[in-house]
Amino acid sequence: MNVTYSDLQNKIVLITGATRGIGNAIAKELAKNKCHIVFNYRSNPEAATSLCEEFKTLGASNATALNFDITDFNKMKEEVDSFIKEHGAISGLINNAGIAKDQLVLRVKPDDITQILDINLKGTMVLTNHLCRNFLRAENVSIVNMSSVVGLMGNTSQSVYAASKAGLIGYSKSLAKELGSRKIRCNAIAPGFIQTEMTEKIAEKAQEEYKKSIPMGDYGNTQDVANLTLFLLSSASSYITGEVIKVDGGLYI
């Protein structure tokens, strides 16, 4: 079931990692709610332009692609500042970009730790911190950080990924406390097993084993996460901040 939030119309929302998976599903729902969608891309400007047109076709009031990598902090700040100067304050932020590199702790290299933390945690922190001054000039500001149920419970072969996602939870709670007096909200979403291109690569036998650990017996879908994200962006959740909300079919019970 899709819900429309009238207050999201024309809201300027920046989302990272919108080109595929959960991020793409969220962006499409933002478009249907007539937001001005702002997203980043690392390469292939033609694909970015095509995605802008797709969002507009779905109903977006506007769509803007910014060329930066989440780990290129100077370029990121330059692109974001240029956008704000031209279009006005950003009032919604979805920090969705992330990577996973599963491996046993005995095989984790320092460079692996740096890469995962830079993308999953540091990139989010640098971007959000930089936007805070902008948020003070905006209205109805909501920040949504995409964590993971693994950040709450840990997982074999995902020690670095779990640490990065747990870090996002601590950061979200701290931000909620620090900015709450300015009516700026920050919440985290912790998805469990969600059907994406990544999960489709898991062997069928392994998938069946994973599903046995989920009380609801199956993976969730990207729409489940998108629905919650839009609720947290909208004024329907105006008194909710500092929360970590799981979308996991009961996995963490």
Protein backbone atom coordinates (compact mmCIF):
# COMPACT_ATOMS: atom_id res chain seq x y z
CA MET A 1 0.00 0.00 0.00
CA ASN A 2 1.33 3.42 -1.00
CA VAL A 3 0.53 6.48 1.12
CA THR A 4 0.71 10.04 -0.18
CA TYR A 5 1.90 12.83 2.10
CA SER A 6 0.73 16.22 0.85
CA ASP A 7 3.38 18.09 2.85
CA LEU A 8 6.14 16.41 0.82
CA GLN A 9 5.08 18.23 -2.35
CA ASN A 10 7.95 20.47 -3.55
CA LYS A 11 10.05 19.47 -0.53
CA ILE A 12 13.73 19.42 -1.51
CA VAL A 13 15.12 16.04 -0.49
CA LEU A 14 18.70 14.88 -0.98
CA ILE A 15 19.19 11.11 -1.13
CA THR A 16 22.50 9.30 -1.57
CA GLY A 17 22.70 5.93 -3.29
CA ALA A 18 19.51 6.46 -5.29
CA THR A 19 20.60 4.71 -8.47
CA ARG A 20 19.71 1.18 -7.33
CA GLY A 21 18.23 -1.03 -4.63
CA ILE A 22 16.53 0.48 -1.59
CA GLY A 23 17.65 4.01 -2.50
CA ASN A 24 16.07 3.80 -5.94
CA ALA A 25 12.77 2.55 -4.49
CA ILE A 26 12.74 5.43 -2.01
CA ALA A 27 13.50 7.97 -4.74
CA LYS A 28 10.62 6.70 -6.86
CA GLU A 29 8.21 7.12 -3.94
CA LEU A 30 9.56 10.63 -3.36
CA ALA A 31 8.78 11.33 -7.01
CA LYS A 32 5.21 10.08 -6.64
CA ASN A 33 4.86 12.47 -3.69
CA LYS A 34 5.98 15.36 -5.93
CA CYS A 35 9.24 16.11 -4.12
CA HIS A 36 12.21 17.87 -5.67
CA ILE A 37 14.62 14.93 -5.66
CA VAL A 38 18.34 15.58 -5.42
CA PHE A 39 20.68 12.60 -5.77
CA ASN A 40 24.37 11.99 -6.34
CA TYR A 41 26.12 9.97 -9.01
CA ARG A 42 29.79 9.08 -9.43
CA SER A 43 30.00 8.57 -13.21
CA ASN A 44 27.82 8.17 -16.31
CA PRO A 45 26.04 11.54 -16.60
CA GLU A 46 23.78 10.13 -19.31
CA ALA A 47 22.35 7.58 -16.87
CA ALA A 48 21.91 10.31 -14.26
CA THR A 49 20.01 12.48 -16.73
CA SER A 50 17.82 9.52 -17.68
CA LEU A 51 17.07 8.91 -14.00
CA CYS A 52 16.08 12.57 -13.57
CA GLU A 53 13.61 12.22 -16.42
CA GLU A 54 12.20 9.02 -14.94
CA PHE A 55 11.60 10.74 -11.59
CA LYS A 56 9.86 13.65 -13.30
CA THR A 57 7.67 11.24 -15.26
CA LEU A 58 6.65 9.65 -11.96
CA GLY A 59 5.59 13.05 -10.65
CA ALA A 60 8.64 14.72 -9.11
CA SER A 61 8.31 18.53 -9.04
CA ASN A 62 11.96 18.55 -10.08
CA ALA A 63 14.98 16.25 -10.12
CA THR A 64 18.64 17.22 -9.87
CA ALA A 65 21.70 14.99 -10.19
CA LEU A 66 24.88 16.07 -8.39
CA ASN A 67 28.21 14.64 -9.49
CA PHE A 68 30.10 13.54 -6.39
CA ASP A 69 31.37 10.44 -4.64
CA ILE A 70 30.34 10.19 -0.99
CA THR A 71 34.03 9.87 -0.03
CA ASP A 72 35.21 12.91 -2.02
CA PHE A 73 34.37 15.42 0.69
CA ASN A 74 35.53 18.60 -1.06
CA LYS A 75 33.65 17.77 -4.27
CA MET A 76 30.58 16.80 -2.25
CA LYS A 77 30.54 20.13 -0.40
CA GLU A 78 31.09 22.07 -3.62
CA GLU A 79 28.21 20.37 -5.43
CA VAL A 80 25.80 20.67 -2.50
CA ASP A 81 26.63 24.34 -1.86
CA SER A 82 26.17 25.17 -5.53
CA PHE A 83 22.77 23.46 -5.54
CA ILE A 84 21.57 25.30 -2.42
CA LYS A 85 22.69 28.63 -3.82
CA GLU A 86 20.60 28.03 -6.94
CA HIS A 87 17.54 26.21 -5.56
CA GLY A 88 17.26 27.03 -1.86
CA ALA A 89 17.52 25.08 1.37
CA ILE A 90 17.38 21.31 1.54
CA SER A 91 14.83 20.16 4.13
CA GLY A 92 15.05 16.39 3.78
CA LEU A 93 18.14 14.18 3.84
CA ILE A 94 18.28 10.41 3.34
CA ASN A 95 21.73 8.96 3.94
CA ASN A 96 21.35 5.69 2.11
CA ALA A 97 24.69 5.08 0.32
CA GLY A 98 26.59 2.11 1.67
CA ILE A 99 28.61 -0.97 0.86
CA ALA A 100 29.11 -4.41 2.38
CA LYS A 101 32.22 -6.53 2.09
CA ASP A 102 31.64 -9.74 4.01
CA GLN A 103 34.70 -11.55 5.33
CA LEU A 104 35.94 -13.26 8.46
CA VAL A 105 37.80 -11.05 10.94
CA LEU A 106 41.02 -12.99 10.27
CA ARG A 107 40.90 -11.79 6.66
CA VAL A 108 39.89 -8.17 7.21
CA LYS A 109 42.58 -5.76 6.02
CA PRO A 110 43.06 -2.19 7.27
CA ASP A 111 42.13 -0.86 3.82
CA ASP A 112 38.83 -2.76 4.00
CA ILE A 113 38.02 -1.08 7.30
CA THR A 114 38.87 2.35 5.90
CA GLN A 115 36.75 1.87 2.77
CA ILE A 116 33.64 0.60 4.58
CA LEU A 117 33.79 3.22 7.34
CA ASP A 118 34.45 6.04 4.85
CA ILE A 119 31.39 5.18 2.78
CA ASN A 120 28.95 3.89 5.40
CA LEU A 121 29.74 6.21 8.29
CA LYS A 122 32.20 9.02 7.62
CA GLY A 123 30.57 10.09 4.35
CA THR A 124 27.18 10.35 6.07
CA MET A 125 28.63 12.32 8.97
CA VAL A 126 30.55 14.77 6.79
CA LEU A 127 27.59 15.41 4.48
CA THR A 128 25.09 15.80 7.32
CA ASN A 129 27.36 18.01 9.42
CA HIS A 130 27.98 20.23 6.41
CA LEU A 131 24.25 20.58 5.78
CA CYS A 132 23.38 21.51 9.37
CA ARG A 133 23.85 25.24 8.79
CA ASN A 134 21.52 24.91 5.78
CA PHE A 135 18.99 23.04 7.94
CA LEU A 136 18.81 25.96 10.35
CA ARG A 137 17.36 28.04 7.49
CA ALA A 138 14.87 25.38 6.40
CA GLU A 139 11.49 24.25 7.76
CA ASN A 140 10.21 20.80 8.68
CA VAL A 141 13.69 19.27 8.46
CA SER A 142 13.98 15.51 8.74
CA ILE A 143 17.10 13.37 8.45
CA VAL A 144 16.85 9.62 7.86
CA ASN A 145 19.96 7.46 8.20
CA MET A 146 19.90 3.97 6.72
CA SER A 147 21.45 1.66 9.30
CA SER A 148 20.88 -2.11 9.46
CA VAL A 149 19.58 -4.72 11.87
CA VAL A 150 23.17 -6.02 11.75
CA GLY A 151 24.20 -2.80 13.49
CA LEU A 152 22.00 -3.88 16.41
CA MET A 153 22.72 -7.60 16.59
CA GLY A 154 26.05 -8.14 14.79
CA ASN A 155 26.66 -10.92 12.29
CA THR A 156 29.33 -13.42 11.36
CA SER A 157 31.68 -12.15 8.62
CA GLN A 158 30.23 -8.64 8.89
CA SER A 159 32.21 -7.14 11.77
CA VAL A 160 33.23 -3.97 9.91
CA TYR A 161 29.84 -3.51 8.25
CA ALA A 162 28.10 -4.00 11.62
CA ALA A 163 30.43 -1.48 13.26
CA SER A 164 29.69 1.11 10.57
CA LYS A 165 25.94 0.64 10.90
CA ALA A 166 26.08 0.71 14.70
CA GLY A 167 28.03 3.95 14.39
CA LEU A 168 25.18 5.43 12.36
CA ILE A 169 22.78 4.64 15.19
CA GLY A 170 24.93 6.46 17.75
CA TYR A 171 25.35 9.37 15.39
CA SER A 172 21.59 9.58 14.72
CA LYS A 173 20.72 9.65 18.41
CA SER A 174 23.35 12.30 19.13
CA LEU A 175 22.18 14.45 16.24
CA ALA A 176 18.56 14.15 17.40
CA LYS A 177 19.53 15.42 20.86
CA GLU A 178 21.73 18.24 19.55
CA LEU A 179 19.29 19.56 16.93
CA GLY A 180 15.97 18.78 18.60
CA SER A 181 15.63 22.27 20.08
CA ARG A 182 15.63 23.61 16.52
CA LYS A 183 12.83 21.19 15.56
CA ILE A 184 15.23 19.24 13.33
CA ARG A 185 14.52 15.50 13.53
CA CYS A 186 16.86 12.58 12.92
CA ASN A 187 15.92 8.90 12.88
CA ALA A 188 17.54 5.68 11.74
CA ILE A 189 16.02 2.76 9.86
CA ALA A 190 17.39 -0.73 10.41
CA PRO A 191 16.38 -3.02 7.55
CA GLY A 192 16.74 -6.77 7.89
CA PHE A 193 16.87 -9.05 4.85
CA ILE A 194 15.42 -7.03 1.98
CA GLN A 195 15.03 -8.45 -1.53
CA THR A 196 17.51 -6.57 -3.74
CA GLU A 197 20.08 -7.33 -6.42
CA MET A 198 22.50 -8.12 -3.60
CA THR A 199 20.30 -10.78 -1.96
CA GLU A 200 19.50 -12.35 -5.32
CA LYS A 201 23.18 -13.34 -5.58
CA ILE A 202 22.95 -15.45 -2.41
CA ALA A 203 22.76 -19.20 -3.07
CA GLU A 204 19.21 -20.59 -2.88
CA LYS A 205 20.07 -22.99 -0.04
CA ALA A 206 21.59 -20.17 2.00
CA GLN A 207 18.52 -18.01 1.35
CA GLU A 208 16.25 -20.72 2.72
CA GLU A 209 18.37 -20.93 5.87
CA TYR A 210 18.23 -17.17 6.35
CA LYS A 211 14.44 -17.19 5.97
CA LYS A 212 14.13 -19.75 8.78
CA SER A 213 15.45 -17.12 11.19
CA ILE A 214 12.74 -14.60 10.19
CA PRO A 215 9.44 -15.06 12.09
CA MET A 216 7.47 -13.77 9.08
CA GLY A 217 9.24 -16.38 6.94
CA ASP A 218 10.41 -14.30 4.00
CA TYR A 219 12.49 -11.33 2.92
CA GLY A 220 11.02 -7.86 2.94
CA ASN A 221 10.96 -5.72 -0.17
CA THR A 222 12.30 -2.28 -0.95
CA GLN A 223 8.80 -0.81 -0.82
CA ASP A 224 8.60 -1.70 2.88
CA VAL A 225 11.63 0.47 3.59
CA ALA A 226 10.49 3.25 1.24
CA ASN A 227 7.12 3.52 3.00
CA LEU A 228 8.74 4.02 6.39
CA THR A 229 11.25 6.51 5.00
CA LEU A 230 8.53 8.75 3.57
CA PHE A 231 6.61 8.60 6.85
CA LEU A 232 9.71 9.77 8.73
CA LEU A 233 10.29 12.57 6.22
CA SER A 234 6.74 13.83 6.49
CA SER A 235 5.03 15.84 9.21
CA ALA A 236 3.04 12.69 10.05
CA SER A 237 6.06 11.79 12.23
CA SER A 238 6.62 15.31 13.56
CA TYR A 239 7.11 14.17 17.17
CA ILE A 240 9.41 11.24 16.41
CA THR A 241 13.17 11.71 16.66
CA GLY A 242 16.18 9.72 17.82
CA GLU A 243 14.48 6.42 17.03
CA VAL A 244 15.85 3.27 15.42
CA ILE A 245 13.01 1.53 13.60
CA LYS A 246 13.51 -2.01 12.34
CA VAL A 247 12.05 -3.33 9.08
CA ASP A 248 13.03 -6.95 9.54
CA GLY A 249 9.99 -9.23 9.67
CA GLY A 250 10.72 -9.92 13.34
CA LEU A 251 14.33 -11.03 12.86
CA TYR A 252 15.54 -9.09 15.91
CA ILE A 253 12.82 -10.29 18.31
